[in-house]
Amino acid sequence: MEDSKINTLLFSDAPGSQERHLIRKYDNPLFGAIKELTQTDIDNARQNDIDEYQSFLEDFNHLLKEVSILTGAVETEIILEMKERIDTLYERCVSFGVEQSEYKTALQKLHHTIMNAIRQAAKADSMVIKELEREQEVRKLHIELMEYKLVSDLLRSDSPIKDNELVPTLLSEDAEAVQVVMSLFEPKQQQAIRNEAKTLLERLAVNNLPEDVQKAYEAMISQKQ
């Protein structure tokens, strides 16, 4: 993987979740006083991202093998457990720096296969079928949102973005991503985020905001209910 040089530090051209957040924070006054970033910090984050990718491949191949040996009637509990693992693998897949079209397509096919099995088992229950259709609509929207790297980073169970870094992170992103993330929060939470952003910018005494920060802040405001 090629690197691009930022001052004396080398970052990946297609960073994973851990390294991506270091890039957000690097030389960014919105995050306040933070420990000076070193090349070792970057290399460690990059290695963590690589290790995660290797773990993903192992889990994917293990699941693929399990699905391939399924025969006859399979217990519903096993099918549902596989569905959950497929969805979790997809969420992990979209967070990687390099596009993983092959694995995303394969996971979508596996999900389709599992859903067909679930529908077949529930074909006599119209209420269950209706609930499955609703869940599929929710999943479709969830997958669309996860294509935004910021969303995938935030929704990880081990998100590199700490709670107190949410606002500076949002102000460091493009307006479209900010609007998408804001839509994930309830109105009261949205207002709290806007208030914190306003306070942060006032504390920094930024009279003439950089254009990208201004657009991010405006995107927050535009979500006002």
C-alpha atoms as a PDB file:
ATOM      1  CA  MET A   1       0.000   0.000   0.000  1.00  0.00           C
ATOM      2  CA  GLU A   2       1.421   3.394  -0.967  1.00  0.00           C
ATOM      3  CA  ASP A   3       1.792   6.171   1.569  1.00  0.00           C
ATOM      4  CA  SER A   4       1.275   9.918   1.319  1.00  0.00           C
ATOM      5  CA  LYS A   5       3.517  12.215   3.328  1.00  0.00           C
ATOM      6  CA  ILE A   6       2.014  14.825   5.665  1.00  0.00           C
ATOM      7  CA  ASN A   7       4.908  16.868   7.028  1.00  0.00           C
ATOM      8  CA  THR A   8       7.204  14.202   8.502  1.00  0.00           C
ATOM      9  CA  LEU A   9       4.504  11.602   9.096  1.00  0.00           C
ATOM     10  CA  LEU A  10       3.443   8.854   6.722  1.00  0.00           C
ATOM     11  CA  PHE A  11      -0.232   7.926   6.486  1.00  0.00           C
ATOM     12  CA  SER A  12      -1.846   5.259   4.327  1.00  0.00           C
ATOM     13  CA  ASP A  13      -3.673   6.332   1.193  1.00  0.00           C
ATOM     14  CA  ALA A  14      -6.562   4.048   2.173  1.00  0.00           C
ATOM     15  CA  PRO A  15      -6.486   3.946   5.990  1.00  0.00           C
ATOM     16  CA  GLY A  16      -8.581   1.651   8.119  1.00  0.00           C
ATOM     17  CA  SER A  17     -10.742   2.755  11.021  1.00  0.00           C
ATOM     18  CA  GLN A  18      -8.001   3.223  13.636  1.00  0.00           C
ATOM     19  CA  GLU A  19      -5.587   5.099  11.391  1.00  0.00           C
ATOM     20  CA  ARG A  20      -8.426   7.079   9.826  1.00  0.00           C
ATOM     21  CA  HIS A  21      -9.285   8.619  13.173  1.00  0.00           C
ATOM     22  CA  LEU A  22      -5.674   9.573  13.833  1.00  0.00           C
ATOM     23  CA  ILE A  23      -5.746  11.457  10.531  1.00  0.00           C
ATOM     24  CA  ARG A  24      -8.893  13.300  11.625  1.00  0.00           C
ATOM     25  CA  LYS A  25      -7.205  14.409  14.834  1.00  0.00           C
ATOM     26  CA  TYR A  26      -3.785  15.229  13.409  1.00  0.00           C
ATOM     27  CA  ASP A  27      -2.939  18.937  13.667  1.00  0.00           C
ATOM     28  CA  ASN A  28      -6.644  19.666  14.196  1.00  0.00           C
ATOM     29  CA  PRO A  29      -7.355  22.424  16.776  1.00  0.00           C
ATOM     30  CA  LEU A  30     -10.972  21.246  17.086  1.00  0.00           C
ATOM     31  CA  PHE A  31      -9.719  18.339  19.191  1.00  0.00           C
ATOM     32  CA  GLY A  32      -7.885  20.602  21.615  1.00  0.00           C
ATOM     33  CA  ALA A  33      -4.586  19.705  23.228  1.00  0.00           C
ATOM     34  CA  ILE A  34      -3.736  16.100  22.441  1.00  0.00           C
ATOM     35  CA  LYS A  35      -0.587  14.029  22.700  1.00  0.00           C
ATOM     36  CA  GLU A  36       1.808  14.730  19.876  1.00  0.00           C
ATOM     37  CA  LEU A  37       1.270  12.175  17.146  1.00  0.00           C
ATOM     38  CA  THR A  38       4.270  10.039  16.269  1.00  0.00           C
ATOM     39  CA  GLN A  39       5.004   7.689  13.411  1.00  0.00           C
ATOM     40  CA  THR A  40       4.898   4.852  15.937  1.00  0.00           C
ATOM     41  CA  ASP A  41       1.295   5.788  16.810  1.00  0.00           C
ATOM     42  CA  ILE A  42       0.396   5.684  13.129  1.00  0.00           C
ATOM     43  CA  ASP A  43       2.214   2.407  12.507  1.00  0.00           C
ATOM     44  CA  ASN A  44       0.511   0.782  15.507  1.00  0.00           C
ATOM     45  CA  ALA A  45      -2.926   1.947  14.363  1.00  0.00           C
ATOM     46  CA  ARG A  46      -2.220   0.695  10.856  1.00  0.00           C
ATOM     47  CA  GLN A  47      -1.120  -2.685  12.186  1.00  0.00           C
ATOM     48  CA  ASN A  48      -4.305  -2.918  14.250  1.00  0.00           C
ATOM     49  CA  ASP A  49      -6.316  -2.262  11.086  1.00  0.00           C
ATOM     50  CA  ILE A  50      -4.345  -4.937   9.227  1.00  0.00           C
ATOM     51  CA  ASP A  51      -4.847  -7.420  12.071  1.00  0.00           C
ATOM     52  CA  GLU A  52      -8.565  -6.702  12.022  1.00  0.00           C
ATOM     53  CA  TYR A  53      -8.691  -7.352   8.284  1.00  0.00           C
ATOM     54  CA  GLN A  54      -6.939 -10.698   8.738  1.00  0.00           C
ATOM     55  CA  SER A  55      -9.389 -11.592  11.510  1.00  0.00           C
ATOM     56  CA  PHE A  56     -12.270 -10.667   9.198  1.00  0.00           C
ATOM     57  CA  LEU A  57     -10.943 -12.974   6.470  1.00  0.00           C
ATOM     58  CA  GLU A  58     -10.668 -15.860   8.930  1.00  0.00           C
ATOM     59  CA  ASP A  59     -14.201 -15.308  10.227  1.00  0.00           C
ATOM     60  CA  PHE A  60     -15.574 -14.948   6.697  1.00  0.00           C
ATOM     61  CA  ASN A  61     -13.964 -18.165   5.463  1.00  0.00           C
ATOM     62  CA  HIS A  62     -15.090 -20.031   8.580  1.00  0.00           C
ATOM     63  CA  LEU A  63     -18.688 -18.910   8.054  1.00  0.00           C
ATOM     64  CA  LEU A  64     -18.539 -19.771   4.364  1.00  0.00           C
ATOM     65  CA  LYS A  65     -17.420 -23.291   5.228  1.00  0.00           C
ATOM     66  CA  GLU A  66     -20.224 -23.688   7.780  1.00  0.00           C
ATOM     67  CA  VAL A  67     -22.863 -22.575   5.293  1.00  0.00           C
ATOM     68  CA  SER A  68     -21.512 -24.887   2.583  1.00  0.00           C
ATOM     69  CA  ILE A  69     -21.962 -28.015   4.705  1.00  0.00           C
ATOM     70  CA  LEU A  70     -25.519 -27.290   5.824  1.00  0.00           C
ATOM     71  CA  THR A  71     -27.874 -30.032   4.693  1.00  0.00           C
ATOM     72  CA  GLY A  72     -31.551 -30.785   5.125  1.00  0.00           C
ATOM     73  CA  ALA A  73     -33.660 -28.981   7.678  1.00  0.00           C
ATOM     74  CA  VAL A  74     -31.639 -26.638   9.870  1.00  0.00           C
ATOM     75  CA  GLU A  75     -32.780 -25.415  13.266  1.00  0.00           C
ATOM     76  CA  THR A  76     -34.117 -21.871  13.258  1.00  0.00           C
ATOM     77  CA  GLU A  77     -31.751 -20.883  16.058  1.00  0.00           C
ATOM     78  CA  ILE A  78     -28.742 -21.848  13.932  1.00  0.00           C
ATOM     79  CA  ILE A  79     -30.064 -19.957  10.913  1.00  0.00           C
ATOM     80  CA  LEU A  80     -30.695 -16.797  12.931  1.00  0.00           C
ATOM     81  CA  GLU A  81     -27.236 -17.023  14.496  1.00  0.00           C
ATOM     82  CA  MET A  82     -25.683 -17.232  11.032  1.00  0.00           C
ATOM     83  CA  LYS A  83     -27.738 -14.275   9.850  1.00  0.00           C
ATOM     84  CA  GLU A  84     -26.406 -12.201  12.747  1.00  0.00           C
ATOM     85  CA  ARG A  85     -22.830 -13.213  11.945  1.00  0.00           C
ATOM     86  CA  ILE A  86     -23.308 -12.321   8.279  1.00  0.00           C
ATOM     87  CA  ASP A  87     -24.624  -8.872   9.167  1.00  0.00           C
ATOM     88  CA  THR A  88     -21.773  -8.299  11.622  1.00  0.00           C
ATOM     89  CA  LEU A  89     -19.204  -9.317   9.016  1.00  0.00           C
ATOM     90  CA  TYR A  90     -20.747  -6.894   6.546  1.00  0.00           C
ATOM     91  CA  GLU A  91     -20.463  -4.052   9.048  1.00  0.00           C
ATOM     92  CA  ARG A  92     -16.808  -4.905   9.597  1.00  0.00           C
ATOM     93  CA  CYS A  93     -16.213  -5.167   5.861  1.00  0.00           C
ATOM     94  CA  VAL A  94     -17.380  -1.643   5.004  1.00  0.00           C
ATOM     95  CA  SER A  95     -15.041  -0.057   7.564  1.00  0.00           C
ATOM     96  CA  PHE A  96     -11.855  -1.127   5.791  1.00  0.00           C
ATOM     97  CA  GLY A  97      -9.887   1.474   3.883  1.00  0.00           C
ATOM     98  CA  VAL A  98      -9.815  -0.415   0.590  1.00  0.00           C
ATOM     99  CA  GLU A  99     -13.153  -1.155  -1.088  1.00  0.00           C
ATOM    100  CA  GLN A 100     -14.179  -4.772  -0.467  1.00  0.00           C
ATOM    101  CA  SER A 101     -16.724  -5.243  -3.261  1.00  0.00           C
ATOM    102  CA  GLU A 102     -16.057  -8.971  -3.610  1.00  0.00           C
ATOM    103  CA  TYR A 103     -16.691  -9.721   0.055  1.00  0.00           C
ATOM    104  CA  LYS A 104     -19.642  -7.360   0.291  1.00  0.00           C
ATOM    105  CA  THR A 105     -21.286  -9.095  -2.663  1.00  0.00           C
ATOM    106  CA  ALA A 106     -20.578 -12.527  -1.192  1.00  0.00           C
ATOM    107  CA  LEU A 107     -22.039 -11.517   2.173  1.00  0.00           C
ATOM    108  CA  GLN A 108     -25.132 -10.113   0.498  1.00  0.00           C
ATOM    109  CA  LYS A 109     -25.616 -13.419  -1.314  1.00  0.00           C
ATOM    110  CA  LEU A 110     -25.188 -15.333   1.937  1.00  0.00           C
ATOM    111  CA  HIS A 111     -27.717 -13.064   3.605  1.00  0.00           C
ATOM    112  CA  HIS A 112     -30.157 -13.653   0.747  1.00  0.00           C
ATOM    113  CA  THR A 113     -29.720 -17.421   1.088  1.00  0.00           C
ATOM    114  CA  ILE A 114     -30.297 -17.315   4.847  1.00  0.00           C
ATOM    115  CA  MET A 115     -33.350 -15.069   4.466  1.00  0.00           C
ATOM    116  CA  ASN A 116     -34.864 -17.460   1.931  1.00  0.00           C
ATOM    117  CA  ALA A 117     -34.473 -20.264   4.467  1.00  0.00           C
ATOM    118  CA  ILE A 118     -36.118 -18.145   7.166  1.00  0.00           C
ATOM    119  CA  ARG A 119     -39.007 -17.191   4.875  1.00  0.00           C
ATOM    120  CA  GLN A 120     -39.492 -20.812   3.883  1.00  0.00           C
ATOM    121  CA  ALA A 121     -39.721 -21.827   7.535  1.00  0.00           C
ATOM    122  CA  ALA A 122     -42.201 -19.034   8.271  1.00  0.00           C
ATOM    123  CA  LYS A 123     -44.252 -19.157   5.066  1.00  0.00           C
ATOM    124  CA  ALA A 124     -47.409 -20.145   6.929  1.00  0.00           C
ATOM    125  CA  ASP A 125     -47.207 -17.183   9.310  1.00  0.00           C
ATOM    126  CA  SER A 126     -48.157 -13.928   7.583  1.00  0.00           C
ATOM    127  CA  MET A 127     -47.262 -11.841  10.635  1.00  0.00           C
ATOM    128  CA  VAL A 128     -43.734 -13.233  10.713  1.00  0.00           C
ATOM    129  CA  ILE A 129     -43.338 -12.637   6.974  1.00  0.00           C
ATOM    130  CA  LYS A 130     -44.480  -9.044   7.405  1.00  0.00           C
ATOM    131  CA  GLU A 131     -41.987  -8.506  10.224  1.00  0.00           C
ATOM    132  CA  LEU A 132     -39.203  -9.994   8.098  1.00  0.00           C
ATOM    133  CA  GLU A 133     -40.035  -7.576   5.286  1.00  0.00           C
ATOM    134  CA  ARG A 134     -39.891  -4.666   7.716  1.00  0.00           C
ATOM    135  CA  GLU A 135     -36.526  -5.834   9.027  1.00  0.00           C
ATOM    136  CA  GLN A 136     -35.205  -6.050   5.475  1.00  0.00           C
ATOM    137  CA  GLU A 137     -36.178  -2.438   4.797  1.00  0.00           C
ATOM    138  CA  VAL A 138     -34.399  -1.354   7.966  1.00  0.00           C
ATOM    139  CA  ARG A 139     -31.337  -3.394   6.996  1.00  0.00           C
ATOM    140  CA  LYS A 140     -31.271  -1.864   3.516  1.00  0.00           C
ATOM    141  CA  LEU A 141     -31.164   1.629   4.998  1.00  0.00           C
ATOM    142  CA  HIS A 142     -28.559   0.550   7.550  1.00  0.00           C
ATOM    143  CA  ILE A 143     -26.295  -0.777   4.797  1.00  0.00           C
ATOM    144  CA  GLU A 144     -26.621   2.448   2.822  1.00  0.00           C
ATOM    145  CA  LEU A 145     -25.627   4.484   5.875  1.00  0.00           C
ATOM    146  CA  MET A 146     -22.690   2.207   6.672  1.00  0.00           C
ATOM    147  CA  GLU A 147     -21.116   3.127   3.332  1.00  0.00           C
ATOM    148  CA  TYR A 148     -20.156   6.409   4.967  1.00  0.00           C
ATOM    149  CA  LYS A 149     -16.828   5.763   6.693  1.00  0.00           C
ATOM    150  CA  LEU A 150     -17.781   8.115   9.517  1.00  0.00           C
ATOM    151  CA  VAL A 151     -20.940   6.101  10.206  1.00  0.00           C
ATOM    152  CA  SER A 152     -19.096   2.785  10.117  1.00  0.00           C
ATOM    153  CA  ASP A 153     -16.459   4.181  12.491  1.00  0.00           C
ATOM    154  CA  LEU A 154     -19.059   5.524  14.922  1.00  0.00           C
ATOM    155  CA  LEU A 155     -21.201   2.389  15.009  1.00  0.00           C
ATOM    156  CA  ARG A 156     -18.355  -0.013  15.682  1.00  0.00           C
ATOM    157  CA  SER A 157     -18.532  -1.674  19.093  1.00  0.00           C
ATOM    158  CA  ASP A 158     -14.877  -0.656  19.493  1.00  0.00           C
ATOM    159  CA  SER A 159     -15.228   2.746  17.835  1.00  0.00           C
ATOM    160  CA  PRO A 160     -11.987   4.766  17.838  1.00  0.00           C
ATOM    161  CA  ILE A 161     -14.120   7.900  18.262  1.00  0.00           C
ATOM    162  CA  LYS A 162     -14.572   8.620  21.968  1.00  0.00           C
ATOM    163  CA  ASP A 163     -17.758  10.251  23.232  1.00  0.00           C
ATOM    164  CA  ASN A 164     -15.987  13.551  23.852  1.00  0.00           C
ATOM    165  CA  GLU A 165     -14.607  13.477  20.306  1.00  0.00           C
ATOM    166  CA  LEU A 166     -17.959  13.258  18.522  1.00  0.00           C
ATOM    167  CA  VAL A 167     -18.449  16.999  17.988  1.00  0.00           C
ATOM    168  CA  PRO A 168     -14.905  17.817  16.812  1.00  0.00           C
ATOM    169  CA  THR A 169     -15.093  14.750  14.577  1.00  0.00           C
ATOM    170  CA  LEU A 170     -18.340  15.949  12.997  1.00  0.00           C
ATOM    171  CA  LEU A 171     -16.939  19.441  12.470  1.00  0.00           C
ATOM    172  CA  SER A 172     -13.976  17.862  10.682  1.00  0.00           C
ATOM    173  CA  GLU A 173     -16.142  15.954   8.180  1.00  0.00           C
ATOM    174  CA  ASP A 174     -17.859  16.942   4.955  1.00  0.00           C
ATOM    175  CA  ALA A 175     -21.384  18.327   5.195  1.00  0.00           C
ATOM    176  CA  GLU A 176     -23.090  15.295   3.643  1.00  0.00           C
ATOM    177  CA  ALA A 177     -21.571  12.890   6.165  1.00  0.00           C
ATOM    178  CA  VAL A 178     -22.510  15.246   9.002  1.00  0.00           C
ATOM    179  CA  GLN A 179     -26.153  15.316   7.904  1.00  0.00           C
ATOM    180  CA  VAL A 180     -26.235  11.529   7.682  1.00  0.00           C
ATOM    181  CA  VAL A 181     -24.772  11.097  11.168  1.00  0.00           C
ATOM    182  CA  MET A 182     -27.070  13.729  12.678  1.00  0.00           C
ATOM    183  CA  SER A 183     -30.062  11.829  11.311  1.00  0.00           C
ATOM    184  CA  LEU A 184     -29.084   8.890  13.525  1.00  0.00           C
ATOM    185  CA  PHE A 185     -29.775  10.887  16.691  1.00  0.00           C
ATOM    186  CA  GLU A 186     -32.999  11.832  18.412  1.00  0.00           C
ATOM    187  CA  PRO A 187     -33.978  15.558  18.366  1.00  0.00           C
ATOM    188  CA  LYS A 188     -32.755  16.125  21.943  1.00  0.00           C
ATOM    189  CA  GLN A 189     -29.415  14.540  21.111  1.00  0.00           C
ATOM    190  CA  GLN A 190     -29.147  16.621  17.949  1.00  0.00           C
ATOM    191  CA  GLN A 191     -29.705  19.792  19.953  1.00  0.00           C
ATOM    192  CA  ALA A 192     -27.072  18.756  22.485  1.00  0.00           C
ATOM    193  CA  ILE A 193     -24.592  18.211  19.656  1.00  0.00           C
ATOM    194  CA  ARG A 194     -25.380  21.620  18.143  1.00  0.00           C
ATOM    195  CA  ASN A 195     -24.984  23.304  21.526  1.00  0.00           C
ATOM    196  CA  GLU A 196     -21.645  21.614  22.134  1.00  0.00           C
ATOM    197  CA  ALA A 197     -20.437  22.553  18.650  1.00  0.00           C
ATOM    198  CA  LYS A 198     -21.420  26.185  19.188  1.00  0.00           C
ATOM    199  CA  THR A 199     -19.648  26.248  22.550  1.00  0.00           C
ATOM    200  CA  LEU A 200     -16.526  24.644  21.082  1.00  0.00           C
ATOM    201  CA  LEU A 201     -16.294  27.143  18.235  1.00  0.00           C
ATOM    202  CA  GLU A 202     -16.870  30.057  20.604  1.00  0.00           C
ATOM    203  CA  ARG A 203     -14.179  28.764  22.958  1.00  0.00           C
ATOM    204  CA  LEU A 204     -11.730  28.567  20.079  1.00  0.00           C
ATOM    205  CA  ALA A 205     -12.705  32.152  19.171  1.00  0.00           C
ATOM    206  CA  VAL A 206     -12.929  31.227  15.521  1.00  0.00           C
ATOM    207  CA  ASN A 207     -14.351  34.354  13.888  1.00  0.00           C
ATOM    208  CA  ASN A 208     -13.728  33.288  10.339  1.00  0.00           C
ATOM    209  CA  LEU A 209     -14.324  29.573  10.213  1.00  0.00           C
ATOM    210  CA  PRO A 210     -12.515  27.545   7.560  1.00  0.00           C
ATOM    211  CA  GLU A 211     -15.006  26.869   4.781  1.00  0.00           C
ATOM    212  CA  ASP A 212     -15.160  23.120   5.424  1.00  0.00           C
ATOM    213  CA  VAL A 213     -15.804  23.621   9.158  1.00  0.00           C
ATOM    214  CA  GLN A 214     -18.458  26.233   8.387  1.00  0.00           C
ATOM    215  CA  LYS A 215     -20.219  23.826   6.024  1.00  0.00           C
ATOM    216  CA  ALA A 216     -20.079  21.047   8.629  1.00  0.00           C
ATOM    217  CA  TYR A 217     -21.587  23.348  11.255  1.00  0.00           C
ATOM    218  CA  GLU A 218     -24.307  24.487   8.853  1.00  0.00           C
ATOM    219  CA  ALA A 219     -25.100  20.820   8.176  1.00  0.00           C
ATOM    220  CA  MET A 220     -25.653  20.354  11.912  1.00  0.00           C
ATOM    221  CA  ILE A 221     -27.996  23.331  12.032  1.00  0.00           C
ATOM    222  CA  SER A 222     -29.924  22.166   8.978  1.00  0.00           C
ATOM    223  CA  GLN A 223     -30.959  19.037  10.894  1.00  0.00           C
ATOM    224  CA  LYS A 224     -32.910  21.151  13.371  1.00  0.00           C
ATOM    225  CA  GLN A 225     -36.388  19.731  13.812  1.00  0.00           C
END
